[in-house]
Amino acid sequence: MEHLQEQLDEEFGQFRQYLESHGVRVALAKSLSNLKKEAERPANPVSFIVDQLQPDGPCAKEDRRIAELNQIIELLKEQIAMLEAKAKEEAEAAAKAKTEQDAEEAKNETAEGGNA
């Protein structure tokens, strides 16, 4: 039993040395420290840690894409508002022109009726 424990300790020591030599422990400690420093705790701490460990990873890329799409949405909303305002102005101008045309036609009919 003691031999098994020694073997496990040795394997764990080798694994720990492997992680240390590749900077895993430092990276994890840094990401956990950054998580602790967050004023507002993220809803998904695992995603936060993944983003910390891999800044250009899939979560960060998705966040950038979401931000880009939100900017596009805002631009499109502005364009829609401008087009709606333009359409309203054109409709009002057309209604005014129609009213003026109707008034002119009524005036002409009255003048023609008085001449007959």
PDB file of N, CA and C in Angstrom:
ATOM      1  N   MET A   1       0.815  -1.180   0.000  1.00  0.00           N
ATOM      2  CA  MET A   1       0.000   0.000   0.000  1.00  0.00           C
ATOM      3  C   MET A   1       0.866   1.254   0.000  1.00  0.00           C
ATOM      4  N   GLU A   2       1.929   1.195   0.806  1.00  0.00           N
ATOM      5  CA  GLU A   2       2.837   2.326   0.878  1.00  0.00           C
ATOM      6  C   GLU A   2       3.526   2.544  -0.455  1.00  0.00           C
ATOM      7  N   HIS A   3       3.857   1.471  -1.105  1.00  0.00           N
ATOM      8  CA  HIS A   3       4.511   1.547  -2.419  1.00  0.00           C
ATOM      9  C   HIS A   3       3.590   2.232  -3.435  1.00  0.00           C
ATOM     10  N   LEU A   4       2.309   1.906  -3.375  1.00  0.00           N
ATOM     11  CA  LEU A   4       1.327   2.514  -4.281  1.00  0.00           C
ATOM     12  C   LEU A   4       1.238   4.018  -4.037  1.00  0.00           C
ATOM     13  N   GLN A   5       1.242   4.401  -2.750  1.00  0.00           N
ATOM     14  CA  GLN A   5       1.177   5.829  -2.421  1.00  0.00           C
ATOM     15  C   GLN A   5       2.422   6.546  -2.929  1.00  0.00           C
ATOM     16  N   GLU A   6       3.581   5.942  -2.778  1.00  0.00           N
ATOM     17  CA  GLU A   6       4.827   6.548  -3.267  1.00  0.00           C
ATOM     18  C   GLU A   6       4.793   6.695  -4.780  1.00  0.00           C
ATOM     19  N   GLN A   7       4.270   5.681  -5.459  1.00  0.00           N
ATOM     20  CA  GLN A   7       4.175   5.729  -6.917  1.00  0.00           C
ATOM     21  C   GLN A   7       3.229   6.858  -7.353  1.00  0.00           C
ATOM     22  N   LEU A   8       2.096   6.976  -6.657  1.00  0.00           N
ATOM     23  CA  LEU A   8       1.146   8.050  -6.973  1.00  0.00           C
ATOM     24  C   LEU A   8       1.767   9.417  -6.710  1.00  0.00           C
ATOM     25  N   ASP A   9       2.478   9.552  -5.594  1.00  0.00           N
ATOM     26  CA  ASP A   9       3.139  10.815  -5.269  1.00  0.00           C
ATOM     27  C   ASP A   9       4.171  11.172  -6.332  1.00  0.00           C
ATOM     28  N   GLU A  10       4.908  10.184  -6.792  1.00  0.00           N
ATOM     29  CA  GLU A  10       5.928  10.422  -7.821  1.00  0.00           C
ATOM     30  C   GLU A  10       5.277  10.844  -9.138  1.00  0.00           C
ATOM     31  N   GLU A  11       4.193  10.147  -9.518  1.00  0.00           N
ATOM     32  CA  GLU A  11       3.491  10.503 -10.756  1.00  0.00           C
ATOM     33  C   GLU A  11       2.903  11.911 -10.655  1.00  0.00           C
ATOM     34  N   PHE A  12       2.336  12.216  -9.492  1.00  0.00           N
ATOM     35  CA  PHE A  12       1.767  13.548  -9.306  1.00  0.00           C
ATOM     36  C   PHE A  12       2.870  14.605  -9.353  1.00  0.00           C
ATOM     37  N   GLY A  13       3.997  14.303  -8.751  1.00  0.00           N
ATOM     38  CA  GLY A  13       5.135  15.232  -8.767  1.00  0.00           C
ATOM     39  C   GLY A  13       5.613  15.489 -10.190  1.00  0.00           C
ATOM     40  N   GLN A  14       5.676  14.441 -10.996  1.00  0.00           N
ATOM     41  CA  GLN A  14       6.088  14.602 -12.394  1.00  0.00           C
ATOM     42  C   GLN A  14       5.062  15.439 -13.167  1.00  0.00           C
ATOM     43  N   PHE A  15       3.807  15.149 -12.908  1.00  0.00           N
ATOM     44  CA  PHE A  15       2.749  15.900 -13.591  1.00  0.00           C
ATOM     45  C   PHE A  15       2.796  17.372 -13.174  1.00  0.00           C
ATOM     46  N   ARG A  16       2.986  17.602 -11.885  1.00  0.00           N
ATOM     47  CA  ARG A  16       3.072  18.972 -11.376  1.00  0.00           C
ATOM     48  C   ARG A  16       4.266  19.698 -11.990  1.00  0.00           C
ATOM     49  N   GLN A  17       5.385  19.020 -12.102  1.00  0.00           N
ATOM     50  CA  GLN A  17       6.581  19.612 -12.713  1.00  0.00           C
ATOM     51  C   GLN A  17       6.317  19.939 -14.186  1.00  0.00           C
ATOM     52  N   TYR A  18       5.624  19.051 -14.859  1.00  0.00           N
ATOM     53  CA  TYR A  18       5.249  19.279 -16.260  1.00  0.00           C
ATOM     54  C   TYR A  18       4.405  20.552 -16.383  1.00  0.00           C
ATOM     55  N   LEU A  19       3.389  20.683 -15.524  1.00  0.00           N
ATOM     56  CA  LEU A  19       2.530  21.871 -15.552  1.00  0.00           C
ATOM     57  C   LEU A  19       3.323  23.135 -15.242  1.00  0.00           C
ATOM     58  N   GLU A  20       4.186  23.059 -14.241  1.00  0.00           N
ATOM     59  CA  GLU A  20       5.010  24.215 -13.867  1.00  0.00           C
ATOM     60  C   GLU A  20       5.921  24.622 -15.017  1.00  0.00           C
ATOM     61  N   SER A  21       6.534  23.653 -15.671  1.00  0.00           N
ATOM     62  CA  SER A  21       7.488  23.973 -16.741  1.00  0.00           C
ATOM     63  C   SER A  21       6.815  24.608 -17.954  1.00  0.00           C
ATOM     64  N   HIS A  22       5.532  24.409 -18.099  1.00  0.00           N
ATOM     65  CA  HIS A  22       4.799  24.996 -19.225  1.00  0.00           C
ATOM     66  C   HIS A  22       3.969  26.221 -18.812  1.00  0.00           C
ATOM     67  N   GLY A  23       4.154  26.702 -17.590  1.00  0.00           N
ATOM     68  CA  GLY A  23       3.503  27.928 -17.141  1.00  0.00           C
ATOM     69  C   GLY A  23       2.032  27.797 -16.802  1.00  0.00           C
ATOM     70  N   VAL A  24       1.561  26.565 -16.654  1.00  0.00           N
ATOM     71  CA  VAL A  24       0.135  26.359 -16.390  1.00  0.00           C
ATOM     72  C   VAL A  24      -0.251  26.889 -15.012  1.00  0.00           C
ATOM     73  N   ARG A  25       0.559  26.602 -14.012  1.00  0.00           N
ATOM     74  CA  ARG A  25       0.228  27.030 -12.657  1.00  0.00           C
ATOM     75  C   ARG A  25       0.171  28.548 -12.560  1.00  0.00           C
ATOM     76  N   VAL A  26       1.123  29.216 -13.157  1.00  0.00           N
ATOM     77  CA  VAL A  26       1.151  30.681 -13.125  1.00  0.00           C
ATOM     78  C   VAL A  26      -0.059  31.246 -13.868  1.00  0.00           C
ATOM     79  N   ALA A  27      -0.372  30.673 -15.022  1.00  0.00           N
ATOM     80  CA  ALA A  27      -1.511  31.155 -15.812  1.00  0.00           C
ATOM     81  C   ALA A  27      -2.828  30.962 -15.058  1.00  0.00           C
ATOM     82  N   LEU A  28      -2.989  29.803 -14.428  1.00  0.00           N
ATOM     83  CA  LEU A  28      -4.209  29.556 -13.647  1.00  0.00           C
ATOM     84  C   LEU A  28      -4.301  30.498 -12.450  1.00  0.00           C
ATOM     85  N   ALA A  29      -3.185  30.677 -11.767  1.00  0.00           N
ATOM     86  CA  ALA A  29      -3.177  31.571 -10.606  1.00  0.00           C
ATOM     87  C   ALA A  29      -3.522  32.998 -11.032  1.00  0.00           C
ATOM     88  N   LYS A  30      -2.971  33.427 -12.158  1.00  0.00           N
ATOM     89  CA  LYS A  30      -3.243  34.776 -12.660  1.00  0.00           C
ATOM     90  C   LYS A  30      -4.718  34.927 -13.034  1.00  0.00           C
ATOM     91  N   SER A  31      -5.272  33.928 -13.714  1.00  0.00           N
ATOM     92  CA  SER A  31      -6.678  34.032 -14.123  1.00  0.00           C
ATOM     93  C   SER A  31      -7.607  33.997 -12.909  1.00  0.00           C
ATOM     94  N   LEU A  32      -7.283  33.186 -11.912  1.00  0.00           N
ATOM     95  CA  LEU A  32      -8.091  33.150 -10.686  1.00  0.00           C
ATOM     96  C   LEU A  32      -7.974  34.468  -9.920  1.00  0.00           C
ATOM     97  N   SER A  33      -6.787  35.038  -9.922  1.00  0.00           N
ATOM     98  CA  SER A  33      -6.587  36.334  -9.276  1.00  0.00           C
ATOM     99  C   SER A  33      -7.405  37.415  -9.978  1.00  0.00           C
ATOM    100  N   ASN A  34      -7.402  37.395 -11.312  1.00  0.00           N
ATOM    101  CA  ASN A  34      -8.204  38.358 -12.078  1.00  0.00           C
ATOM    102  C   ASN A  34      -9.694  38.170 -11.814  1.00  0.00           C
ATOM    103  N   LEU A  35     -10.115  36.928 -11.673  1.00  0.00           N
ATOM    104  CA  LEU A  35     -11.516  36.643 -11.358  1.00  0.00           C
ATOM    105  C   LEU A  35     -11.882  37.234  -9.997  1.00  0.00           C
ATOM    106  N   LYS A  36     -10.993  37.074  -9.039  1.00  0.00           N
ATOM    107  CA  LYS A  36     -11.238  37.600  -7.695  1.00  0.00           C
ATOM    108  C   LYS A  36     -11.311  39.126  -7.710  1.00  0.00           C
ATOM    109  N   LYS A  37     -10.531  39.767  -8.582  1.00  0.00           N
ATOM    110  CA  LYS A  37     -10.488  41.235  -8.653  1.00  0.00           C
ATOM    111  C   LYS A  37     -11.705  41.833  -9.351  1.00  0.00           C
ATOM    112  N   GLU A  38     -12.472  41.015 -10.067  1.00  0.00           N
ATOM    113  CA  GLU A  38     -13.644  41.528 -10.787  1.00  0.00           C
ATOM    114  C   GLU A  38     -14.635  42.128  -9.794  1.00  0.00           C
ATOM    115  N   ALA A  39     -15.041  43.370 -10.050  1.00  0.00           N
ATOM    116  CA  ALA A  39     -16.012  44.031  -9.169  1.00  0.00           C
ATOM    117  C   ALA A  39     -17.349  43.301  -9.214  1.00  0.00           C
ATOM    118  N   GLU A  40     -17.750  42.950 -10.423  1.00  0.00           N
ATOM    119  CA  GLU A  40     -19.003  42.211 -10.593  1.00  0.00           C
ATOM    120  C   GLU A  40     -18.637  40.809 -11.067  1.00  0.00           C
ATOM    121  N   ARG A  41     -18.971  39.833 -10.281  1.00  0.00           N
ATOM    122  CA  ARG A  41     -18.616  38.458 -10.615  1.00  0.00           C
ATOM    123  C   ARG A  41     -19.326  38.020 -11.890  1.00  0.00           C
ATOM    124  N   PRO A  42     -18.589  37.425 -12.831  1.00  0.00           N
ATOM    125  CA  PRO A  42     -19.230  36.964 -14.067  1.00  0.00           C
ATOM    126  C   PRO A  42     -20.209  35.824 -13.791  1.00  0.00           C
ATOM    127  N   ALA A  43     -21.228  35.753 -14.633  1.00  0.00           N
ATOM    128  CA  ALA A  43     -22.237  34.700 -14.491  1.00  0.00           C
ATOM    129  C   ALA A  43     -21.618  33.331 -14.722  1.00  0.00           C
ATOM    130  N   ASN A  44     -20.634  33.268 -15.618  1.00  0.00           N
ATOM    131  CA  ASN A  44     -19.992  31.996 -15.922  1.00  0.00           C
ATOM    132  C   ASN A  44     -18.489  32.122 -15.661  1.00  0.00           C
ATOM    133  N   PRO A  45     -18.033  31.766 -14.463  1.00  0.00           N
ATOM    134  CA  PRO A  45     -16.617  31.913 -14.147  1.00  0.00           C
ATOM    135  C   PRO A  45     -15.710  31.032 -15.004  1.00  0.00           C
ATOM    136  N   VAL A  46     -16.215  29.908 -15.462  1.00  0.00           N
ATOM    137  CA  VAL A  46     -15.393  29.033 -16.311  1.00  0.00           C
ATOM    138  C   VAL A  46     -15.068  29.740 -17.623  1.00  0.00           C
ATOM    139  N   SER A  47     -16.066  30.380 -18.231  1.00  0.00           N
ATOM    140  CA  SER A  47     -15.824  31.129 -19.468  1.00  0.00           C
ATOM    141  C   SER A  47     -14.843  32.264 -19.222  1.00  0.00           C
ATOM    142  N   PHE A  48     -14.967  32.918 -18.073  1.00  0.00           N
ATOM    143  CA  PHE A  48     -14.044  33.992 -17.724  1.00  0.00           C
ATOM    144  C   PHE A  48     -12.616  33.452 -17.677  1.00  0.00           C
ATOM    145  N   ILE A  49     -12.428  32.329 -17.007  1.00  0.00           N
ATOM    146  CA  ILE A  49     -11.091  31.742 -16.887  1.00  0.00           C
ATOM    147  C   ILE A  49     -10.574  31.310 -18.253  1.00  0.00           C
ATOM    148  N   VAL A  50     -11.435  30.724 -19.066  1.00  0.00           N
ATOM    149  CA  VAL A  50     -11.029  30.321 -20.423  1.00  0.00           C
ATOM    150  C   VAL A  50     -10.572  31.544 -21.208  1.00  0.00           C
ATOM    151  N   ASP A  51     -11.329  32.635 -21.117  1.00  0.00           N
ATOM    152  CA  ASP A  51     -10.945  33.865 -21.813  1.00  0.00           C
ATOM    153  C   ASP A  51      -9.612  34.393 -21.302  1.00  0.00           C
ATOM    154  N   GLN A  52      -9.397  34.273 -20.003  1.00  0.00           N
ATOM    155  CA  GLN A  52      -8.137  34.727 -19.427  1.00  0.00           C
ATOM    156  C   GLN A  52      -6.968  33.868 -19.909  1.00  0.00           C
ATOM    157  N   LEU A  53      -7.204  32.579 -20.005  1.00  0.00           N
ATOM    158  CA  LEU A  53      -6.139  31.672 -20.421  1.00  0.00           C
ATOM    159  C   LEU A  53      -5.877  31.745 -21.919  1.00  0.00           C
ATOM    160  N   GLN A  54      -6.907  32.040 -22.661  1.00  0.00           N
ATOM    161  CA  GLN A  54      -6.796  32.046 -24.114  1.00  0.00           C
ATOM    162  C   GLN A  54      -7.508  33.300 -24.644  1.00  0.00           C
ATOM    163  N   PRO A  55      -6.844  34.470 -24.574  1.00  0.00           N
ATOM    164  CA  PRO A  55      -7.509  35.714 -24.943  1.00  0.00           C
ATOM    165  C   PRO A  55      -8.068  35.728 -26.365  1.00  0.00           C
ATOM    166  N   ASP A  56      -7.491  34.963 -27.248  1.00  0.00           N
ATOM    167  CA  ASP A  56      -8.002  34.911 -28.617  1.00  0.00           C
ATOM    168  C   ASP A  56      -8.790  33.639 -28.864  1.00  0.00           C
ATOM    169  N   GLY A  57      -9.249  33.029 -27.785  1.00  0.00           N
ATOM    170  CA  GLY A  57     -10.003  31.783 -27.908  1.00  0.00           C
ATOM    171  C   GLY A  57     -11.416  32.013 -28.394  1.00  0.00           C
ATOM    172  N   PRO A  58     -12.195  30.947 -28.472  1.00  0.00           N
ATOM    173  CA  PRO A  58     -13.545  31.019 -29.036  1.00  0.00           C
ATOM    174  C   PRO A  58     -14.469  31.981 -28.297  1.00  0.00           C
ATOM    175  N   CYS A  59     -14.362  32.058 -26.976  1.00  0.00           N
ATOM    176  CA  CYS A  59     -15.254  32.962 -26.229  1.00  0.00           C
ATOM    177  C   CYS A  59     -14.955  34.414 -26.565  1.00  0.00           C
ATOM    178  N   ALA A  60     -13.678  34.764 -26.615  1.00  0.00           N
ATOM    179  CA  ALA A  60     -13.305  36.141 -26.940  1.00  0.00           C
ATOM    180  C   ALA A  60     -13.711  36.484 -28.364  1.00  0.00           C
ATOM    181  N   LYS A  61     -13.541  35.527 -29.272  1.00  0.00           N
ATOM    182  CA  LYS A  61     -13.938  35.765 -30.665  1.00  0.00           C
ATOM    183  C   LYS A  61     -15.445  35.965 -30.766  1.00  0.00           C
ATOM    184  N   GLU A  62     -16.198  35.174 -30.031  1.00  0.00           N
ATOM    185  CA  GLU A  62     -17.663  35.316 -30.032  1.00  0.00           C
ATOM    186  C   GLU A  62     -18.069  36.665 -29.459  1.00  0.00           C
ATOM    187  N   ASP A  63     -17.396  37.084 -28.389  1.00  0.00           N
ATOM    188  CA  ASP A  63     -17.708  38.384 -27.787  1.00  0.00           C
ATOM    189  C   ASP A  63     -17.431  39.515 -28.768  1.00  0.00           C
ATOM    190  N   ARG A  64     -16.308  39.428 -29.489  1.00  0.00           N
ATOM    191  CA  ARG A  64     -15.996  40.458 -30.490  1.00  0.00           C
ATOM    192  C   ARG A  64     -17.039  40.455 -31.596  1.00  0.00           C
ATOM    193  N   ARG A  65     -17.452  39.285 -32.035  1.00  0.00           N
ATOM    194  CA  ARG A  65     -18.459  39.185 -33.096  1.00  0.00           C
ATOM    195  C   ARG A  65     -19.793  39.761 -32.620  1.00  0.00           C
ATOM    196  N   ILE A  66     -20.156  39.485 -31.388  1.00  0.00           N
ATOM    197  CA  ILE A  66     -21.389  40.043 -30.828  1.00  0.00           C
ATOM    198  C   ILE A  66     -21.306  41.566 -30.796  1.00  0.00           C
ATOM    199  N   ALA A  67     -20.161  42.100 -30.386  1.00  0.00           N
ATOM    200  CA  ALA A  67     -19.992  43.556 -30.351  1.00  0.00           C
ATOM    201  C   ALA A  67     -20.107  44.145 -31.755  1.00  0.00           C
ATOM    202  N   GLU A  68     -19.489  43.481 -32.740  1.00  0.00           N
ATOM    203  CA  GLU A  68     -19.588  43.945 -34.129  1.00  0.00           C
ATOM    204  C   GLU A  68     -21.041  43.933 -34.599  1.00  0.00           C
ATOM    205  N   LEU A  69     -21.748  42.860 -34.308  1.00  0.00           N
ATOM    206  CA  LEU A  69     -23.144  42.753 -34.732  1.00  0.00           C
ATOM    207  C   LEU A  69     -24.018  43.796 -34.037  1.00  0.00           C
ATOM    208  N   ASN A  70     -23.725  44.088 -32.779  1.00  0.00           N
ATOM    209  CA  ASN A  70     -24.476  45.129 -32.077  1.00  0.00           C
ATOM    210  C   ASN A  70     -24.249  46.496 -32.711  1.00  0.00           C
ATOM    211  N   GLN A  71     -23.017  46.758 -33.167  1.00  0.00           N
ATOM    212  CA  GLN A  71     -22.739  48.019 -33.863  1.00  0.00           C
ATOM    213  C   GLN A  71     -23.518  48.084 -35.168  1.00  0.00           C
ATOM    214  N   ILE A  72     -23.552  46.982 -35.892  1.00  0.00           N
ATOM    215  CA  ILE A  72     -24.302  46.934 -37.149  1.00  0.00           C
ATOM    216  C   ILE A  72     -25.785  47.169 -36.876  1.00  0.00           C
ATOM    217  N   ILE A  73     -26.297  46.561 -35.823  1.00  0.00           N
ATOM    218  CA  ILE A  73     -27.709  46.743 -35.464  1.00  0.00           C
ATOM    219  C   ILE A  73     -27.997  48.216 -35.190  1.00  0.00           C
ATOM    220  N   GLU A  74     -27.116  48.882 -34.451  1.00  0.00           N
ATOM    221  CA  GLU A  74     -27.323  50.301 -34.145  1.00  0.00           C
ATOM    222  C   GLU A  74     -27.308  51.144 -35.418  1.00  0.00           C
ATOM    223  N   LEU A  75     -26.377  50.854 -36.329  1.00  0.00           N
ATOM    224  CA  LEU A  75     -26.336  51.588 -37.601  1.00  0.00           C
ATOM    225  C   LEU A  75     -27.612  51.367 -38.401  1.00  0.00           C
ATOM    226  N   LEU A  76     -28.085  50.138 -38.424  1.00  0.00           N
ATOM    227  CA  LEU A  76     -29.314  49.839 -39.158  1.00  0.00           C
ATOM    228  C   LEU A  76     -30.521  50.522 -38.523  1.00  0.00           C
ATOM    229  N   LYS A  77     -30.551  50.592 -37.203  1.00  0.00           N
ATOM    230  CA  LYS A  77     -31.645  51.300 -36.531  1.00  0.00           C
ATOM    231  C   LYS A  77     -31.646  52.777 -36.922  1.00  0.00           C
ATOM    232  N   GLU A  78     -30.444  53.367 -36.994  1.00  0.00           N
ATOM    233  CA  GLU A  78     -30.340  54.770 -37.404  1.00  0.00           C
ATOM    234  C   GLU A  78     -30.826  54.948 -38.839  1.00  0.00           C
ATOM    235  N   GLN A  79     -30.428  54.030 -39.722  1.00  0.00           N
ATOM    236  CA  GLN A  79     -30.865  54.105 -41.119  1.00  0.00           C
ATOM    237  C   GLN A  79     -32.383  53.965 -41.220  1.00  0.00           C
ATOM    238  N   ILE A  80     -32.945  53.057 -40.454  1.00  0.00           N
ATOM    239  CA  ILE A  80     -34.404  52.867 -40.464  1.00  0.00           C
ATOM    240  C   ILE A  80     -35.095  54.153 -40.019  1.00  0.00           C
ATOM    241  N   ALA A  81     -34.594  54.763 -38.957  1.00  0.00           N
ATOM    242  CA  ALA A  81     -35.196  56.003 -38.456  1.00  0.00           C
ATOM    243  C   ALA A  81     -35.121  57.100 -39.515  1.00  0.00           C
ATOM    244  N   MET A  82     -33.977  57.208 -40.202  1.00  0.00           N
ATOM    245  CA  MET A  82     -33.835  58.222 -41.254  1.00  0.00           C
ATOM    246  C   MET A  82     -34.794  57.945 -42.405  1.00  0.00           C
ATOM    247  N   LEU A  83     -34.895  56.693 -42.816  1.00  0.00           N
ATOM    248  CA  LEU A  83     -35.788  56.343 -43.921  1.00  0.00           C
ATOM    249  C   LEU A  83     -37.253  56.546 -43.541  1.00  0.00           C
ATOM    250  N   GLU A  84     -37.605  56.228 -42.305  1.00  0.00           N
ATOM    251  CA  GLU A  84     -38.983  56.456 -41.856  1.00  0.00           C
ATOM    252  C   GLU A  84     -39.307  57.948 -41.852  1.00  0.00           C
ATOM    253  N   ALA A  85     -38.354  58.772 -41.406  1.00  0.00           N
ATOM    254  CA  ALA A  85     -38.568  60.222 -41.395  1.00  0.00           C
ATOM    255  C   ALA A  85     -38.714  60.745 -42.820  1.00  0.00           C
ATOM    256  N   LYS A  86     -37.870  60.239 -43.726  1.00  0.00           N
ATOM    257  CA  LYS A  86     -37.939  60.656 -45.131  1.00  0.00           C
ATOM    258  C   LYS A  86     -39.276  60.236 -45.745  1.00  0.00           C
ATOM    259  N   ALA A  87     -39.711  59.015 -45.461  1.00  0.00           N
ATOM    260  CA  ALA A  87     -40.989  58.523 -45.994  1.00  0.00           C
ATOM    261  C   ALA A  87     -42.144  59.365 -45.458  1.00  0.00           C
ATOM    262  N   LYS A  88     -42.071  59.746 -44.197  1.00  0.00           N
ATOM    263  CA  LYS A  88     -43.122  60.572 -43.599  1.00  0.00           C
ATOM    264  C   LYS A  88     -43.166  61.942 -44.279  1.00  0.00           C
ATOM    265  N   GLU A  89     -41.988  62.531 -44.500  1.00  0.00           N
ATOM    266  CA  GLU A  89     -41.927  63.830 -45.176  1.00  0.00           C
ATOM    267  C   GLU A  89     -42.500  63.741 -46.585  1.00  0.00           C
ATOM    268  N   GLU A  90     -42.127  62.680 -47.296  1.00  0.00           N
ATOM    269  CA  GLU A  90     -42.622  62.509 -48.664  1.00  0.00           C
ATOM    270  C   GLU A  90     -44.131  62.283 -48.680  1.00  0.00           C
ATOM    271  N   ALA A  91     -44.641  61.533 -47.721  1.00  0.00           N
ATOM    272  CA  ALA A  91     -46.087  61.294 -47.644  1.00  0.00           C
ATOM    273  C   ALA A  91     -46.822  62.595 -47.337  1.00  0.00           C
ATOM    274  N   GLU A  92     -46.263  63.391 -46.435  1.00  0.00           N
ATOM    275  CA  GLU A  92     -46.880  64.679 -46.115  1.00  0.00           C
ATOM    276  C   GLU A  92     -46.847  65.614 -47.321  1.00  0.00           C
ATOM    277  N   ALA A  93     -45.726  65.621 -48.048  1.00  0.00           N
ATOM    278  CA  ALA A  93     -45.614  66.466 -49.240  1.00  0.00           C
ATOM    279  C   ALA A  93     -46.611  66.009 -50.306  1.00  0.00           C
ATOM    280  N   ALA A  94     -46.754  64.691 -50.470  1.00  0.00           N
ATOM    281  CA  ALA A  94     -47.702  64.161 -51.455  1.00  0.00           C
ATOM    282  C   ALA A  94     -49.137  64.507 -51.053  1.00  0.00           C
ATOM    283  N   ALA A  95     -49.446  64.406 -49.771  1.00  0.00           N
ATOM    284  CA  ALA A  95     -50.792  64.744 -49.294  1.00  0.00           C
ATOM    285  C   ALA A  95     -51.072  66.225 -49.499  1.00  0.00           C
ATOM    286  N   LYS A  96     -50.072  67.059 -49.246  1.00  0.00           N
ATOM    287  CA  LYS A  96     -50.232  68.500 -49.440  1.00  0.00           C
ATOM    288  C   LYS A  96     -50.442  68.816 -50.918  1.00  0.00           C
ATOM    289  N   ALA A  97     -49.640  68.167 -51.779  1.00  0.00           N
ATOM    290  CA  ALA A  97     -49.779  68.383 -53.223  1.00  0.00           C
ATOM    291  C   ALA A  97     -51.152  67.928 -53.693  1.00  0.00           C
ATOM    292  N   LYS A  98     -51.628  66.807 -53.173  1.00  0.00           N
ATOM    293  CA  LYS A  98     -52.948  66.297 -53.549  1.00  0.00           C
ATOM    294  C   LYS A  98     -54.035  67.272 -53.109  1.00  0.00           C
ATOM    295  N   THR A  99     -53.916  67.791 -51.897  1.00  0.00           N
ATOM    296  CA  THR A  99     -54.893  68.754 -51.390  1.00  0.00           C
ATOM    297  C   THR A  99     -54.897  70.007 -52.259  1.00  0.00           C
ATOM    298  N   GLU A 100     -53.705  70.480 -52.614  1.00  0.00           N
ATOM    299  CA  GLU A 100     -53.608  71.665 -53.475  1.00  0.00           C
ATOM    300  C   GLU A 100     -54.193  71.383 -54.854  1.00  0.00           C
ATOM    301  N   GLN A 101     -53.910  70.186 -55.372  1.00  0.00           N
ATOM    302  CA  GLN A 101     -54.443  69.806 -56.689  1.00  0.00           C
ATOM    303  C   GLN A 101     -55.967  69.725 -56.635  1.00  0.00           C
ATOM    304  N   ASP A 102     -56.492  69.116 -55.573  1.00  0.00           N
ATOM    305  CA  ASP A 102     -57.950  69.020 -55.420  1.00  0.00           C
ATOM    306  C   ASP A 102     -58.575  70.411 -55.309  1.00  0.00           C
ATOM    307  N   ALA A 103     -57.920  71.293 -54.582  1.00  0.00           N
ATOM    308  CA  ALA A 103     -58.438  72.655 -54.433  1.00  0.00           C
ATOM    309  C   ALA A 103     -58.414  73.380 -55.770  1.00  0.00           C
ATOM    310  N   GLU A 104     -57.345  73.180 -56.521  1.00  0.00           N
ATOM    311  CA  GLU A 104     -57.229  73.818 -57.845  1.00  0.00           C
ATOM    312  C   GLU A 104     -58.305  73.288 -58.785  1.00  0.00           C
ATOM    313  N   GLU A 105     -58.522  71.965 -58.755  1.00  0.00           N
ATOM    314  CA  GLU A 105     -59.556  71.372 -59.610  1.00  0.00           C
ATOM    315  C   GLU A 105     -60.942  71.879 -59.211  1.00  0.00           C
ATOM    316  N   ALA A 106     -61.183  71.993 -57.922  1.00  0.00           N
ATOM    317  CA  ALA A 106     -62.478  72.505 -57.451  1.00  0.00           C
ATOM    318  C   ALA A 106     -62.657  73.951 -57.888  1.00  0.00           C
ATOM    319  N   LYS A 107     -61.590  74.714 -57.822  1.00  0.00           N
ATOM    320  CA  LYS A 107     -61.633  76.115 -58.246  1.00  0.00           C
ATOM    321  C   LYS A 107     -61.937  76.206 -59.737  1.00  0.00           C
ATOM    322  N   ASN A 108     -61.270  75.337 -60.528  1.00  0.00           N
ATOM    323  CA  ASN A 108     -61.490  75.317 -61.976  1.00  0.00           C
ATOM    324  C   ASN A 108     -62.920  74.896 -62.299  1.00  0.00           C
ATOM    325  N   GLU A 109     -63.429  73.905 -61.579  1.00  0.00           N
ATOM    326  CA  GLU A 109     -64.805  73.459 -61.814  1.00  0.00           C
ATOM    327  C   GLU A 109     -65.793  74.568 -61.479  1.00  0.00           C
ATOM    328  N   THR A 110     -65.523  75.287 -60.417  1.00  0.00           N
ATOM    329  CA  THR A 110     -66.400  76.394 -60.027  1.00  0.00           C
ATOM    330  C   THR A 110     -66.349  77.497 -61.080  1.00  0.00           C
ATOM    331  N   ALA A 111     -65.143  77.760 -61.564  1.00  0.00           N
ATOM    332  CA  ALA A 111     -64.990  78.799 -62.588  1.00  0.00           C
ATOM    333  C   ALA A 111     -65.669  78.366 -63.879  1.00  0.00           C
ATOM    334  N   GLU A 112     -65.534  77.099 -64.243  1.00  0.00           N
ATOM    335  CA  GLU A 112     -66.172  76.591 -65.459  1.00  0.00           C
ATOM    336  C   GLU A 112     -67.687  76.562 -65.294  1.00  0.00           C
ATOM    337  N   GLY A 113     -68.142  76.235 -64.108  1.00  0.00           N
ATOM    338  CA  GLY A 113     -69.581  76.201 -63.842  1.00  0.00           C
ATOM    339  C   GLY A 113     -70.174  77.599 -63.887  1.00  0.00           C
ATOM    340  N   GLY A 114     -69.433  78.576 -63.478  1.00  0.00           N
ATOM    341  CA  GLY A 114     -69.911  79.945 -63.514  1.00  0.00           C
ATOM    342  C   GLY A 114     -69.893  80.510 -64.916  1.00  0.00           C
ATOM    343  N   ASN A 115     -69.051  79.992 -65.796  1.00  0.00           N
ATOM    344  CA  ASN A 115     -68.950  80.453 -67.176  1.00  0.00           C
ATOM    345  C   ASN A 115     -69.997  79.805 -68.054  1.00  0.00           C
ATOM    346  N   ALA A 116     -70.568  78.716 -67.619  1.00  0.00           N
ATOM    347  CA  ALA A 116     -71.513  77.998 -68.466  1.00  0.00           C
ATOM    348  C   ALA A 116     -72.852  78.554 -68.487  1.00  0.00           C
TER     349      ALA A 116
END
